[in-house]
Amino acid sequence: GRGDRWRADLTLLARQRLNRLGVNGVWGGQWCTASDPDRFFSYRRDGTTGRMAALIWRI
């Protein structure tokens, strides 16, 4: 079942790591891939694969 799988808040982990490196201006990460099927694919949720993209830039 679902209880036997590891899950991680990747946005939080990335934000914490970037903060330790002195990068404090991090935006985004409010959406959840598992709970928003209209916007995101989730293999764990649906059992089918899909593609996603992310943007990162320095200002």
N, C-alpha and C. Protein backbone atom coordinates (compact mmCIF):
# COMPACT_ATOMS: atom_id res chain seq x y z
N GLY A 1 0.80 -1.19 0.00
CA GLY A 1 0.00 0.00 0.00
C GLY A 1 0.84 1.26 0.00
N ARG A 2 0.18 2.39 0.15
CA ARG A 2 0.87 3.68 0.11
C ARG A 2 1.76 3.92 1.32
N GLY A 3 1.47 3.28 2.44
CA GLY A 3 2.23 3.52 3.65
C GLY A 3 3.63 2.94 3.64
N ASP A 4 3.94 2.09 2.67
CA ASP A 4 5.25 1.44 2.66
C ASP A 4 6.24 2.11 1.72
N ARG A 5 5.98 3.33 1.32
CA ARG A 5 6.87 4.04 0.39
C ARG A 5 7.39 5.32 1.04
N TRP A 6 8.64 5.63 0.72
CA TRP A 6 9.24 6.87 1.20
C TRP A 6 8.72 8.03 0.37
N ARG A 7 8.49 9.14 1.00
CA ARG A 7 8.09 10.36 0.31
C ARG A 7 8.95 11.50 0.86
N ALA A 8 9.21 12.49 0.01
CA ALA A 8 10.04 13.62 0.44
C ALA A 8 9.50 14.90 -0.17
N ASP A 9 9.58 15.97 0.57
CA ASP A 9 9.24 17.30 0.07
C ASP A 9 10.49 17.84 -0.61
N LEU A 10 10.62 17.58 -1.90
CA LEU A 10 11.83 17.96 -2.64
C LEU A 10 12.04 19.46 -2.66
N THR A 11 10.95 20.22 -2.72
CA THR A 11 11.07 21.68 -2.71
C THR A 11 11.68 22.15 -1.40
N LEU A 12 11.20 21.63 -0.29
CA LEU A 12 11.74 22.01 1.01
C LEU A 12 13.20 21.60 1.14
N LEU A 13 13.53 20.39 0.71
CA LEU A 13 14.92 19.94 0.79
C LEU A 13 15.84 20.81 -0.05
N ALA A 14 15.40 21.16 -1.26
CA ALA A 14 16.21 22.02 -2.13
C ALA A 14 16.35 23.42 -1.53
N ARG A 15 15.25 23.95 -0.99
CA ARG A 15 15.28 25.29 -0.38
C ARG A 15 16.25 25.32 0.80
N GLN A 16 16.21 24.29 1.65
CA GLN A 16 17.12 24.24 2.80
C GLN A 16 18.57 24.16 2.35
N ARG A 17 18.83 23.36 1.35
CA ARG A 17 20.20 23.22 0.86
C ARG A 17 20.70 24.53 0.25
N LEU A 18 19.85 25.18 -0.55
CA LEU A 18 20.23 26.46 -1.16
C LEU A 18 20.43 27.53 -0.10
N ASN A 19 19.58 27.55 0.92
CA ASN A 19 19.74 28.52 2.01
C ASN A 19 21.08 28.35 2.70
N ARG A 20 21.51 27.12 2.92
CA ARG A 20 22.82 26.88 3.54
C ARG A 20 23.96 27.39 2.68
N LEU A 21 23.72 27.47 1.37
CA LEU A 21 24.73 27.98 0.45
C LEU A 21 24.63 29.49 0.25
N GLY A 22 23.69 30.14 0.96
CA GLY A 22 23.54 31.58 0.87
C GLY A 22 22.53 32.05 -0.16
N VAL A 23 21.81 31.14 -0.77
CA VAL A 23 20.78 31.50 -1.75
C VAL A 23 19.45 31.56 -1.01
N ASN A 24 18.92 32.78 -0.86
CA ASN A 24 17.70 32.96 -0.08
C ASN A 24 16.48 33.30 -0.93
N GLY A 25 16.68 33.75 -2.15
CA GLY A 25 15.56 34.13 -3.01
C GLY A 25 15.07 32.96 -3.84
N VAL A 26 14.35 32.05 -3.20
CA VAL A 26 13.81 30.88 -3.90
C VAL A 26 12.30 31.01 -3.91
N TRP A 27 11.69 30.94 -5.09
CA TRP A 27 10.25 31.06 -5.22
C TRP A 27 9.68 29.80 -5.84
N GLY A 28 8.42 29.56 -5.57
CA GLY A 28 7.72 28.42 -6.15
C GLY A 28 7.61 27.27 -5.16
N GLY A 29 7.13 26.16 -5.67
CA GLY A 29 7.01 24.97 -4.86
C GLY A 29 5.70 24.82 -4.12
N GLN A 30 4.69 25.59 -4.49
CA GLN A 30 3.41 25.50 -3.79
C GLN A 30 2.51 24.40 -4.33
N TRP A 31 2.83 23.86 -5.47
CA TRP A 31 1.98 22.83 -6.08
C TRP A 31 2.44 21.45 -5.66
N CYS A 32 1.52 20.50 -5.60
CA CYS A 32 1.83 19.13 -5.21
C CYS A 32 1.55 18.20 -6.38
N THR A 33 2.55 17.48 -6.82
CA THR A 33 2.38 16.57 -7.96
C THR A 33 1.45 15.42 -7.63
N ALA A 34 1.40 15.00 -6.39
CA ALA A 34 0.55 13.86 -6.02
C ALA A 34 -0.92 14.23 -5.92
N SER A 35 -1.23 15.45 -5.49
CA SER A 35 -2.63 15.81 -5.25
C SER A 35 -3.24 16.69 -6.34
N ASP A 36 -2.54 16.93 -7.44
CA ASP A 36 -3.06 17.78 -8.52
C ASP A 36 -2.98 17.06 -9.87
N PRO A 37 -3.87 16.08 -10.10
CA PRO A 37 -3.80 15.28 -11.33
C PRO A 37 -4.09 16.06 -12.60
N ASP A 38 -4.78 17.18 -12.50
CA ASP A 38 -5.06 17.99 -13.70
C ASP A 38 -3.81 18.70 -14.20
N ARG A 39 -2.87 18.95 -13.33
CA ARG A 39 -1.68 19.71 -13.69
C ARG A 39 -0.43 18.83 -13.83
N PHE A 40 -0.34 17.74 -13.07
CA PHE A 40 0.89 16.95 -13.01
C PHE A 40 0.66 15.47 -13.23
N PHE A 41 1.66 14.81 -13.81
CA PHE A 41 1.71 13.36 -13.86
C PHE A 41 2.29 12.87 -12.54
N SER A 42 1.88 11.70 -12.12
CA SER A 42 2.49 11.05 -10.96
C SER A 42 2.42 9.55 -11.17
N TYR A 43 3.57 8.94 -11.36
CA TYR A 43 3.59 7.49 -11.55
C TYR A 43 3.09 6.77 -10.31
N ARG A 44 3.49 7.24 -9.15
CA ARG A 44 3.02 6.59 -7.91
C ARG A 44 1.51 6.71 -7.76
N ARG A 45 0.94 7.82 -8.17
CA ARG A 45 -0.50 8.02 -8.03
C ARG A 45 -1.27 7.26 -9.10
N ASP A 46 -0.82 7.35 -10.36
CA ASP A 46 -1.60 6.83 -11.49
C ASP A 46 -1.11 5.51 -12.06
N GLY A 47 0.15 5.19 -11.86
CA GLY A 47 0.69 3.97 -12.45
C GLY A 47 1.08 4.13 -13.91
N THR A 48 1.01 5.35 -14.44
CA THR A 48 1.44 5.62 -15.82
C THR A 48 2.46 6.76 -15.80
N THR A 49 3.33 6.76 -16.78
CA THR A 49 4.37 7.78 -16.82
C THR A 49 3.91 9.00 -17.61
N GLY A 50 4.58 10.09 -17.41
CA GLY A 50 4.34 11.33 -18.14
C GLY A 50 5.61 12.16 -18.09
N ARG A 51 5.57 13.34 -18.63
CA ARG A 51 6.75 14.21 -18.66
C ARG A 51 6.44 15.55 -18.01
N MET A 52 7.45 16.07 -17.32
CA MET A 52 7.34 17.39 -16.70
C MET A 52 8.61 18.16 -16.98
N ALA A 53 8.55 19.46 -16.81
CA ALA A 53 9.71 20.31 -16.99
C ALA A 53 9.75 21.33 -15.85
N ALA A 54 10.93 21.84 -15.58
CA ALA A 54 11.10 22.86 -14.55
C ALA A 54 12.04 23.93 -15.09
N LEU A 55 11.88 25.14 -14.59
CA LEU A 55 12.74 26.26 -14.99
C LEU A 55 13.49 26.78 -13.77
N ILE A 56 14.75 27.02 -13.97
CA ILE A 56 15.58 27.62 -12.92
C ILE A 56 16.43 28.69 -13.58
N TRP A 57 16.43 29.89 -13.03
CA TRP A 57 17.28 30.94 -13.58
C TRP A 57 17.82 31.80 -12.46
N ARG A 58 18.87 32.46 -12.79
CA ARG A 58 19.56 33.31 -11.82
C ARG A 58 19.30 34.76 -12.18
N ILE A 59 18.89 35.56 -11.19
CA ILE A 59 18.64 36.99 -11.44
C ILE A 59 19.54 37.83 -10.56
